[in-house]
Amino acid sequence: MRNEMIQSALGEGAAEGADARAVATATVRALTLLFDAVKPLVGNLALRALYVRSLHLARSSFERPTPAPSETESPDELLASLKRDLLSRAPAAARGAAEALLSAFADLLVSLIGESLTNRLLHSAWGSPATDEPSLEKQQ
């Protein structure tokens, strides 16, 4: 289910014929929305740590390693650096890197706040299709 949410968040960037620019733009948009949803829960420093850890975990899926972020980069600078990196890749490699990064970020969220809350957070951030899980409104 999470993979479907990631594909939905990437939209046209996940399409088979998408170029690296479409992938990079969609990835930065998806991460920006997710950052906006996560930041109130964990704050800027933890958000940055989650992103950097996700990048580290996803690196093995990348065709070539991504440059390690510096400790002084803001979230906007991190995303700009990611966009440049994705633009420099072949479309299929950019798409694989983007999916691995978003998946690693979601997996870290699951380890911290649980599957159900993570899925709701992803749905809130990305407007993904409804899941098979009953919503809180239906349970009450």
N, C-alpha and C. Protein backbone atom coordinates (compact mmCIF):
# COMPACT_ATOMS: atom_id res chain seq x y z
N MET A 1 0.83 -1.19 0.00
CA MET A 1 0.00 0.00 0.00
C MET A 1 0.87 1.26 0.00
N ARG A 2 1.97 1.25 0.77
CA ARG A 2 2.83 2.43 0.81
C ARG A 2 3.45 2.69 -0.56
N ASN A 3 3.82 1.62 -1.26
CA ASN A 3 4.38 1.80 -2.60
C ASN A 3 3.39 2.48 -3.53
N GLU A 4 2.12 2.15 -3.39
CA GLU A 4 1.08 2.80 -4.21
C GLU A 4 0.99 4.29 -3.87
N MET A 5 1.12 4.62 -2.58
CA MET A 5 1.09 6.02 -2.17
C MET A 5 2.29 6.77 -2.75
N ILE A 6 3.44 6.12 -2.76
CA ILE A 6 4.65 6.75 -3.31
C ILE A 6 4.48 6.97 -4.80
N GLN A 7 3.97 5.96 -5.51
CA GLN A 7 3.74 6.11 -6.95
C GLN A 7 2.75 7.25 -7.21
N SER A 8 1.71 7.33 -6.40
CA SER A 8 0.72 8.39 -6.55
C SER A 8 1.34 9.76 -6.27
N ALA A 9 2.20 9.83 -5.25
CA ALA A 9 2.85 11.10 -4.91
C ALA A 9 3.77 11.57 -6.03
N LEU A 10 4.43 10.62 -6.69
CA LEU A 10 5.32 10.99 -7.79
C LEU A 10 4.55 11.31 -9.06
N GLY A 11 3.32 10.86 -9.16
CA GLY A 11 2.47 11.19 -10.31
C GLY A 11 3.15 10.90 -11.62
N GLU A 12 3.22 11.91 -12.47
CA GLU A 12 3.83 11.77 -13.80
C GLU A 12 5.31 11.43 -13.71
N GLY A 13 5.95 11.78 -12.61
CA GLY A 13 7.35 11.46 -12.43
C GLY A 13 7.61 9.97 -12.31
N ALA A 14 6.58 9.20 -11.96
CA ALA A 14 6.72 7.75 -11.84
C ALA A 14 6.38 7.03 -13.13
N ALA A 15 5.89 7.76 -14.12
CA ALA A 15 5.49 7.13 -15.39
C ALA A 15 6.72 6.59 -16.12
N GLU A 16 6.51 5.53 -16.86
CA GLU A 16 7.61 4.86 -17.55
C GLU A 16 8.39 5.79 -18.47
N GLY A 17 7.74 6.67 -19.19
CA GLY A 17 8.43 7.54 -20.14
C GLY A 17 8.85 8.89 -19.59
N ALA A 18 8.74 9.07 -18.28
CA ALA A 18 9.07 10.37 -17.68
C ALA A 18 10.56 10.66 -17.81
N ASP A 19 10.88 11.92 -18.10
CA ASP A 19 12.29 12.30 -18.16
C ASP A 19 12.78 12.64 -16.75
N ALA A 20 14.09 12.83 -16.62
CA ALA A 20 14.68 13.10 -15.32
C ALA A 20 14.13 14.38 -14.69
N ARG A 21 13.80 15.38 -15.52
CA ARG A 21 13.24 16.64 -14.99
C ARG A 21 11.88 16.38 -14.33
N ALA A 22 11.04 15.59 -14.96
CA ALA A 22 9.73 15.27 -14.38
C ALA A 22 9.90 14.50 -13.08
N VAL A 23 10.83 13.57 -13.05
CA VAL A 23 11.09 12.79 -11.84
C VAL A 23 11.60 13.69 -10.73
N ALA A 24 12.56 14.54 -11.04
CA ALA A 24 13.15 15.43 -10.03
C ALA A 24 12.10 16.40 -9.48
N THR A 25 11.33 16.98 -10.36
CA THR A 25 10.29 17.93 -9.93
C THR A 25 9.25 17.24 -9.05
N ALA A 26 8.80 16.06 -9.47
CA ALA A 26 7.79 15.33 -8.70
C ALA A 26 8.34 14.89 -7.35
N THR A 27 9.59 14.49 -7.31
CA THR A 27 10.21 14.04 -6.06
C THR A 27 10.33 15.19 -5.07
N VAL A 28 10.79 16.33 -5.54
CA VAL A 28 10.92 17.49 -4.65
C VAL A 28 9.55 17.95 -4.17
N ARG A 29 8.56 17.93 -5.06
CA ARG A 29 7.19 18.29 -4.65
C ARG A 29 6.67 17.33 -3.58
N ALA A 30 6.86 16.03 -3.78
CA ALA A 30 6.39 15.03 -2.81
C ALA A 30 7.10 15.20 -1.47
N LEU A 31 8.40 15.42 -1.50
CA LEU A 31 9.14 15.62 -0.25
C LEU A 31 8.76 16.91 0.45
N THR A 32 8.53 17.95 -0.31
CA THR A 32 8.11 19.22 0.28
C THR A 32 6.79 19.06 1.02
N LEU A 33 5.84 18.40 0.38
CA LEU A 33 4.55 18.15 1.02
C LEU A 33 4.70 17.27 2.27
N LEU A 34 5.55 16.27 2.17
CA LEU A 34 5.77 15.39 3.31
C LEU A 34 6.49 16.13 4.44
N PHE A 35 7.49 16.94 4.09
CA PHE A 35 8.18 17.75 5.11
C PHE A 35 7.18 18.65 5.83
N ASP A 36 6.29 19.28 5.07
CA ASP A 36 5.30 20.17 5.68
C ASP A 36 4.38 19.42 6.64
N ALA A 37 4.10 18.16 6.35
CA ALA A 37 3.24 17.36 7.23
C ALA A 37 3.99 16.85 8.46
N VAL A 38 5.26 16.53 8.30
CA VAL A 38 6.05 15.94 9.38
C VAL A 38 6.63 16.99 10.32
N LYS A 39 6.99 18.15 9.78
CA LYS A 39 7.67 19.18 10.58
C LYS A 39 6.94 19.55 11.87
N PRO A 40 5.62 19.74 11.86
CA PRO A 40 4.95 20.09 13.12
C PRO A 40 5.05 18.98 14.19
N LEU A 41 5.24 17.75 13.75
CA LEU A 41 5.33 16.64 14.70
C LEU A 41 6.71 16.49 15.31
N VAL A 42 7.76 16.76 14.52
CA VAL A 42 9.11 16.46 14.99
C VAL A 42 10.06 17.65 15.03
N GLY A 43 9.73 18.74 14.36
CA GLY A 43 10.60 19.91 14.33
C GLY A 43 11.63 19.84 13.20
N ASN A 44 12.32 20.95 12.98
CA ASN A 44 13.26 21.07 11.86
C ASN A 44 14.47 20.13 11.97
N LEU A 45 15.07 20.05 13.15
CA LEU A 45 16.27 19.23 13.30
C LEU A 45 15.98 17.75 13.08
N ALA A 46 14.91 17.26 13.65
CA ALA A 46 14.56 15.84 13.47
C ALA A 46 14.14 15.58 12.02
N LEU A 47 13.45 16.53 11.41
CA LEU A 47 13.07 16.37 10.01
C LEU A 47 14.32 16.24 9.14
N ARG A 48 15.28 17.09 9.37
CA ARG A 48 16.54 17.04 8.62
C ARG A 48 17.23 15.71 8.85
N ALA A 49 17.25 15.25 10.11
CA ALA A 49 17.89 13.97 10.44
C ALA A 49 17.18 12.81 9.74
N LEU A 50 15.86 12.85 9.70
CA LEU A 50 15.10 11.81 8.99
C LEU A 50 15.45 11.79 7.51
N TYR A 51 15.53 12.96 6.91
CA TYR A 51 15.85 13.04 5.48
C TYR A 51 17.26 12.52 5.22
N VAL A 52 18.23 12.98 6.00
CA VAL A 52 19.62 12.57 5.79
C VAL A 52 19.76 11.06 5.99
N ARG A 53 19.11 10.53 7.00
CA ARG A 53 19.15 9.07 7.23
C ARG A 53 18.49 8.33 6.07
N SER A 54 17.38 8.83 5.58
CA SER A 54 16.69 8.22 4.44
C SER A 54 17.59 8.21 3.21
N LEU A 55 18.25 9.30 2.99
CA LEU A 55 19.18 9.41 1.87
C LEU A 55 20.30 8.38 2.01
N HIS A 56 20.82 8.25 3.20
CA HIS A 56 21.87 7.27 3.46
C HIS A 56 21.37 5.85 3.20
N LEU A 57 20.19 5.52 3.69
CA LEU A 57 19.64 4.18 3.51
C LEU A 57 19.32 3.88 2.05
N ALA A 58 18.89 4.88 1.31
CA ALA A 58 18.50 4.69 -0.08
C ALA A 58 19.69 4.65 -1.04
N ARG A 59 20.83 5.09 -0.59
CA ARG A 59 22.01 5.18 -1.48
C ARG A 59 22.34 3.88 -2.18
N SER A 60 22.12 2.75 -1.53
CA SER A 60 22.44 1.47 -2.15
C SER A 60 21.57 1.20 -3.37
N SER A 61 20.43 1.86 -3.46
CA SER A 61 19.54 1.71 -4.62
C SER A 61 19.93 2.63 -5.77
N PHE A 62 20.81 3.56 -5.51
CA PHE A 62 21.19 4.53 -6.53
C PHE A 62 22.24 3.92 -7.45
N GLU A 63 22.17 4.29 -8.70
CA GLU A 63 23.14 3.85 -9.71
C GLU A 63 24.56 4.28 -9.31
N ARG A 64 24.65 5.47 -8.80
CA ARG A 64 25.92 5.98 -8.29
C ARG A 64 25.59 6.74 -7.00
N PRO A 65 26.51 6.79 -6.08
CA PRO A 65 26.22 7.43 -4.80
C PRO A 65 25.87 8.91 -4.95
N THR A 66 25.01 9.36 -4.08
CA THR A 66 24.68 10.79 -4.02
C THR A 66 25.69 11.46 -3.11
N PRO A 67 25.95 12.74 -3.32
CA PRO A 67 26.86 13.43 -2.41
C PRO A 67 26.24 13.53 -1.02
N ALA A 68 27.05 13.36 -0.01
CA ALA A 68 26.56 13.48 1.37
C ALA A 68 26.23 14.94 1.65
N PRO A 69 25.09 15.19 2.28
CA PRO A 69 24.74 16.58 2.59
C PRO A 69 25.63 17.15 3.69
N SER A 70 25.86 18.45 3.61
CA SER A 70 26.63 19.09 4.68
C SER A 70 25.72 19.34 5.86
N GLU A 71 26.31 19.52 7.01
CA GLU A 71 25.53 19.70 8.23
C GLU A 71 24.84 21.05 8.30
N THR A 72 25.22 21.97 7.45
CA THR A 72 24.65 23.32 7.51
C THR A 72 23.53 23.55 6.49
N GLU A 73 23.26 22.57 5.64
CA GLU A 73 22.24 22.75 4.62
C GLU A 73 20.84 22.77 5.24
N SER A 74 20.04 23.72 4.82
CA SER A 74 18.65 23.81 5.25
C SER A 74 17.84 22.77 4.47
N PRO A 75 16.60 22.48 4.90
CA PRO A 75 15.77 21.56 4.12
C PRO A 75 15.60 22.00 2.65
N ASP A 76 15.46 23.29 2.42
CA ASP A 76 15.34 23.78 1.03
C ASP A 76 16.60 23.50 0.23
N GLU A 77 17.75 23.70 0.87
CA GLU A 77 19.02 23.43 0.20
C GLU A 77 19.21 21.93 -0.05
N LEU A 78 18.76 21.12 0.90
CA LEU A 78 18.83 19.66 0.72
C LEU A 78 18.01 19.24 -0.49
N LEU A 79 16.81 19.80 -0.61
CA LEU A 79 15.95 19.44 -1.73
C LEU A 79 16.49 19.96 -3.06
N ALA A 80 17.09 21.14 -3.04
CA ALA A 80 17.70 21.67 -4.26
C ALA A 80 18.86 20.78 -4.70
N SER A 81 19.65 20.31 -3.74
CA SER A 81 20.76 19.42 -4.05
C SER A 81 20.25 18.09 -4.60
N LEU A 82 19.18 17.57 -4.01
CA LEU A 82 18.57 16.33 -4.51
C LEU A 82 18.08 16.52 -5.94
N LYS A 83 17.44 17.65 -6.20
CA LYS A 83 16.92 17.90 -7.55
C LYS A 83 18.07 17.93 -8.56
N ARG A 84 19.14 18.61 -8.23
CA ARG A 84 20.30 18.63 -9.14
C ARG A 84 20.83 17.23 -9.38
N ASP A 85 20.91 16.45 -8.32
CA ASP A 85 21.41 15.09 -8.45
C ASP A 85 20.49 14.24 -9.34
N LEU A 86 19.20 14.33 -9.13
CA LEU A 86 18.26 13.55 -9.95
C LEU A 86 18.29 13.99 -11.41
N LEU A 87 18.46 15.29 -11.64
CA LEU A 87 18.53 15.80 -13.01
C LEU A 87 19.76 15.27 -13.75
N SER A 88 20.80 14.92 -13.02
CA SER A 88 22.03 14.44 -13.65
C SER A 88 21.99 12.94 -13.97
N ARG A 89 20.91 12.29 -13.62
CA ARG A 89 20.79 10.85 -13.82
C ARG A 89 19.94 10.52 -15.04
N ALA A 90 20.10 9.29 -15.52
CA ALA A 90 19.21 8.78 -16.55
C ALA A 90 17.81 8.69 -15.95
N PRO A 91 16.76 8.84 -16.75
CA PRO A 91 15.39 8.84 -16.20
C PRO A 91 15.06 7.63 -15.33
N ALA A 92 15.39 6.43 -15.78
CA ALA A 92 15.08 5.23 -14.99
C ALA A 92 15.85 5.23 -13.66
N ALA A 93 17.09 5.66 -13.70
CA ALA A 93 17.89 5.73 -12.47
C ALA A 93 17.34 6.79 -11.52
N ALA A 94 16.91 7.92 -12.06
CA ALA A 94 16.32 8.98 -11.24
C ALA A 94 15.04 8.49 -10.58
N ARG A 95 14.22 7.79 -11.35
CA ARG A 95 12.97 7.26 -10.81
C ARG A 95 13.25 6.24 -9.70
N GLY A 96 14.21 5.34 -9.92
CA GLY A 96 14.56 4.36 -8.90
C GLY A 96 15.10 5.00 -7.64
N ALA A 97 15.93 6.02 -7.81
CA ALA A 97 16.47 6.73 -6.66
C ALA A 97 15.36 7.45 -5.89
N ALA A 98 14.45 8.08 -6.61
CA ALA A 98 13.35 8.80 -5.97
C ALA A 98 12.47 7.85 -5.18
N GLU A 99 12.12 6.73 -5.79
CA GLU A 99 11.27 5.75 -5.11
C GLU A 99 11.97 5.18 -3.88
N ALA A 100 13.27 4.90 -3.98
CA ALA A 100 14.02 4.36 -2.85
C ALA A 100 14.08 5.38 -1.71
N LEU A 101 14.29 6.63 -2.05
CA LEU A 101 14.37 7.67 -1.02
C LEU A 101 13.04 7.86 -0.30
N LEU A 102 11.96 7.95 -1.06
CA LEU A 102 10.64 8.12 -0.44
C LEU A 102 10.26 6.90 0.39
N SER A 103 10.62 5.73 -0.09
CA SER A 103 10.33 4.50 0.64
C SER A 103 11.13 4.45 1.95
N ALA A 104 12.40 4.83 1.89
CA ALA A 104 13.23 4.84 3.10
C ALA A 104 12.69 5.84 4.12
N PHE A 105 12.26 7.01 3.64
CA PHE A 105 11.70 8.02 4.54
C PHE A 105 10.44 7.47 5.21
N ALA A 106 9.57 6.85 4.42
CA ALA A 106 8.33 6.28 4.98
C ALA A 106 8.65 5.15 5.96
N ASP A 107 9.63 4.32 5.64
CA ASP A 107 10.01 3.23 6.55
C ASP A 107 10.52 3.77 7.88
N LEU A 108 11.29 4.84 7.83
CA LEU A 108 11.75 5.45 9.08
C LEU A 108 10.58 6.00 9.89
N LEU A 109 9.63 6.61 9.20
CA LEU A 109 8.45 7.10 9.92
C LEU A 109 7.71 5.94 10.58
N VAL A 110 7.58 4.82 9.87
CA VAL A 110 6.90 3.65 10.45
C VAL A 110 7.62 3.20 11.71
N SER A 111 8.94 3.18 11.67
CA SER A 111 9.69 2.74 12.85
C SER A 111 9.52 3.70 14.03
N LEU A 112 9.23 4.95 13.74
CA LEU A 112 9.08 5.93 14.81
C LEU A 112 7.65 6.09 15.32
N ILE A 113 6.68 6.11 14.39
CA ILE A 113 5.31 6.42 14.80
C ILE A 113 4.30 5.34 14.45
N GLY A 114 4.74 4.27 13.80
CA GLY A 114 3.84 3.16 13.50
C GLY A 114 3.27 3.23 12.09
N GLU A 115 2.81 2.09 11.63
CA GLU A 115 2.29 1.93 10.27
C GLU A 115 1.03 2.75 10.02
N SER A 116 0.07 2.65 10.91
CA SER A 116 -1.21 3.31 10.70
C SER A 116 -1.06 4.83 10.66
N LEU A 117 -0.34 5.39 11.62
CA LEU A 117 -0.16 6.84 11.65
C LEU A 117 0.67 7.32 10.46
N THR A 118 1.67 6.53 10.08
CA THR A 118 2.47 6.89 8.90
C THR A 118 1.60 6.92 7.66
N ASN A 119 0.76 5.91 7.48
CA ASN A 119 -0.12 5.87 6.31
C ASN A 119 -1.07 7.06 6.29
N ARG A 120 -1.58 7.42 7.45
CA ARG A 120 -2.46 8.60 7.51
C ARG A 120 -1.70 9.87 7.19
N LEU A 121 -0.47 9.96 7.68
CA LEU A 121 0.37 11.13 7.41
C LEU A 121 0.68 11.23 5.92
N LEU A 122 1.04 10.11 5.29
CA LEU A 122 1.31 10.10 3.85
C LEU A 122 0.05 10.48 3.07
N HIS A 123 -1.06 9.95 3.48
CA HIS A 123 -2.32 10.28 2.82
C HIS A 123 -2.62 11.77 2.97
N SER A 124 -2.40 12.30 4.14
CA SER A 124 -2.62 13.72 4.38
C SER A 124 -1.70 14.59 3.54
N ALA A 125 -0.43 14.20 3.45
CA ALA A 125 0.56 14.99 2.72
C ALA A 125 0.34 14.92 1.22
N TRP A 126 0.04 13.73 0.72
CA TRP A 126 0.03 13.51 -0.72
C TRP A 126 -1.35 13.37 -1.32
N GLY A 127 -2.38 13.34 -0.47
CA GLY A 127 -3.72 13.17 -1.02
C GLY A 127 -3.88 11.85 -1.75
N SER A 128 -3.18 10.82 -1.25
CA SER A 128 -3.22 9.51 -1.88
C SER A 128 -4.61 8.91 -1.80
N PRO A 129 -4.89 7.96 -2.66
CA PRO A 129 -6.19 7.30 -2.61
C PRO A 129 -6.42 6.69 -1.23
N ALA A 130 -7.68 6.57 -0.85
CA ALA A 130 -8.03 6.01 0.45
C ALA A 130 -7.50 4.58 0.56
N THR A 131 -7.13 4.23 1.77
CA THR A 131 -6.59 2.89 2.01
C THR A 131 -7.72 1.96 2.43
N ASP A 132 -7.38 0.70 2.58
CA ASP A 132 -8.35 -0.28 3.04
C ASP A 132 -8.58 -0.20 4.55
N GLU A 133 -7.72 0.53 5.25
CA GLU A 133 -7.88 0.69 6.68
C GLU A 133 -9.09 1.57 6.99
N PRO A 134 -9.89 1.17 7.96
CA PRO A 134 -11.00 2.05 8.32
C PRO A 134 -10.49 3.35 8.93
N SER A 135 -11.12 4.44 8.61
CA SER A 135 -10.69 5.72 9.15
C SER A 135 -11.18 5.85 10.59
N LEU A 136 -10.60 6.80 11.30
CA LEU A 136 -11.01 7.05 12.68
C LEU A 136 -12.47 7.49 12.74
N GLU A 137 -12.92 8.26 11.76
CA GLU A 137 -14.28 8.75 11.75
C GLU A 137 -15.26 7.58 11.68
N LYS A 138 -14.94 6.55 10.90
CA LYS A 138 -15.83 5.41 10.75
C LYS A 138 -15.82 4.55 12.00
N GLN A 139 -14.69 4.54 12.74
CA GLN A 139 -14.59 3.71 13.93
C GLN A 139 -15.35 4.32 15.10
N GLN A 140 -15.56 5.61 15.09
CA GLN A 140 -16.17 6.27 16.24
C GLN A 140 -17.65 6.39 16.10
